[in-house]
Amino acid sequence: MENKNSFTIINDEGEKIVCNILFTFDSDETKKSYIVYTDNTKDDVGNIKVYASIYDPKSASEMELLPIETDKEWRVIEKILESIQEEIKNQAQSN
């Protein structure tokens, strides 16, 4: 079942995969909107895989995910992820 916190993609093998939206944000630096999400699969060391794409939040039709192609965009996303990780770490230490 899909809700506003998830969406479905179709992989290269034609399988439907439900992805959970972790967060979205707009960048003043790049003037684009980004979505960070997971399909809840794990990498070789057991970490949940996280993906990021460009998207248009105003699109009335199906969500189209576009690839992030520049180092500048990846740096913006990495900064956001680092600040979220730091915030979570600080909250865990204060509890």
Protein backbone atom coordinates (compact mmCIF):
# COMPACT_ATOMS: atom_id res chain seq x y z
CA MET A 1 0.00 0.00 0.00
CA GLU A 2 1.33 3.41 -0.98
CA ASN A 3 0.93 6.60 1.03
CA LYS A 4 2.40 10.07 1.02
CA ASN A 5 5.55 8.74 2.73
CA SER A 6 6.29 6.14 0.09
CA PHE A 7 6.27 5.61 -3.65
CA THR A 8 6.74 2.72 -6.05
CA ILE A 9 9.45 2.39 -8.65
CA ILE A 10 9.93 -0.27 -11.30
CA ASN A 11 13.47 -1.65 -11.50
CA ASP A 12 15.34 -2.84 -14.59
CA GLU A 13 13.81 -6.32 -14.22
CA GLY A 14 10.28 -4.89 -14.25
CA GLU A 15 9.69 -5.52 -10.53
CA LYS A 16 7.74 -3.03 -8.44
CA ILE A 17 9.67 -1.79 -5.41
CA VAL A 18 8.12 0.31 -2.64
CA CYS A 19 10.48 3.04 -1.42
CA ASN A 20 10.10 5.00 1.80
CA ILE A 21 10.73 8.73 1.69
CA LEU A 22 13.18 9.73 4.40
CA PHE A 23 13.02 13.46 3.68
CA THR A 24 12.85 16.06 0.94
CA PHE A 25 14.49 19.46 0.73
CA ASP A 26 15.01 22.41 -1.57
CA SER A 27 18.47 23.80 -2.14
CA ASP A 28 18.96 27.54 -2.49
CA GLU A 29 22.43 26.76 -3.81
CA THR A 30 21.33 24.58 -6.75
CA LYS A 31 17.72 25.84 -7.07
CA LYS A 32 16.48 22.24 -7.19
CA SER A 33 14.36 19.94 -5.03
CA TYR A 34 15.76 16.66 -3.75
CA ILE A 35 14.28 13.50 -2.32
CA VAL A 36 16.19 11.09 -0.08
CA TYR A 37 14.68 7.62 0.14
CA THR A 38 15.32 3.94 0.80
CA ASP A 39 14.07 0.64 -0.53
CA ASN A 40 15.06 -0.91 2.84
CA THR A 41 17.69 -3.19 1.32
CA LYS A 42 21.05 -3.56 3.05
CA ASP A 43 24.61 -3.27 1.81
CA ASP A 44 27.37 -5.83 2.41
CA VAL A 45 27.98 -4.64 5.99
CA GLY A 46 24.31 -4.43 7.00
CA ASN A 47 23.65 -0.71 6.54
CA ILE A 48 20.33 0.27 4.98
CA LYS A 49 20.88 1.66 1.49
CA VAL A 50 19.85 5.30 1.00
CA TYR A 51 19.36 7.01 -2.35
CA ALA A 52 18.92 10.60 -3.47
CA SER A 53 17.39 12.06 -6.60
CA ILE A 54 16.16 15.32 -8.04
CA TYR A 55 12.40 15.63 -8.26
CA ASP A 56 9.69 18.19 -9.00
CA PRO A 57 7.42 18.58 -5.94
CA LYS A 58 4.86 20.47 -8.05
CA SER A 59 4.39 17.65 -10.55
CA ALA A 60 0.75 16.60 -10.58
CA SER A 61 1.44 13.35 -12.41
CA GLU A 62 3.68 10.49 -11.35
CA MET A 63 6.84 11.43 -9.52
CA GLU A 64 9.78 11.51 -11.91
CA LEU A 65 13.16 10.94 -10.27
CA LEU A 66 16.13 12.47 -12.01
CA PRO A 67 19.76 11.54 -11.40
CA ILE A 68 22.13 13.77 -9.47
CA GLU A 69 24.97 14.41 -11.85
CA THR A 70 27.27 17.03 -10.37
CA ASP A 71 29.75 16.96 -7.51
CA LYS A 72 28.26 20.24 -6.27
CA GLU A 73 24.84 18.61 -5.85
CA TRP A 74 26.34 15.60 -4.05
CA ARG A 75 28.18 17.95 -1.66
CA VAL A 76 24.88 19.70 -0.83
CA ILE A 77 23.21 16.36 -0.10
CA GLU A 78 26.17 15.09 1.92
CA LYS A 79 26.08 18.25 4.08
CA ILE A 80 22.39 17.70 4.81
CA LEU A 81 22.94 14.02 5.67
CA GLU A 82 25.88 14.86 7.93
CA SER A 83 23.87 17.47 9.81
CA ILE A 84 20.99 15.02 10.31
CA GLN A 85 23.37 12.32 11.56
CA GLU A 86 24.95 14.81 13.98
CA GLU A 87 21.52 15.87 15.25
CA ILE A 88 20.49 12.24 15.83
CA LYS A 89 23.80 11.54 17.60
CA ASN A 90 23.33 14.57 19.88
CA GLN A 91 19.76 13.56 20.71
CA ALA A 92 20.88 10.03 21.57
CA GLN A 93 23.61 11.35 23.87
CA SER A 94 21.22 13.66 25.71
CA ASN A 95 18.74 10.84 26.46
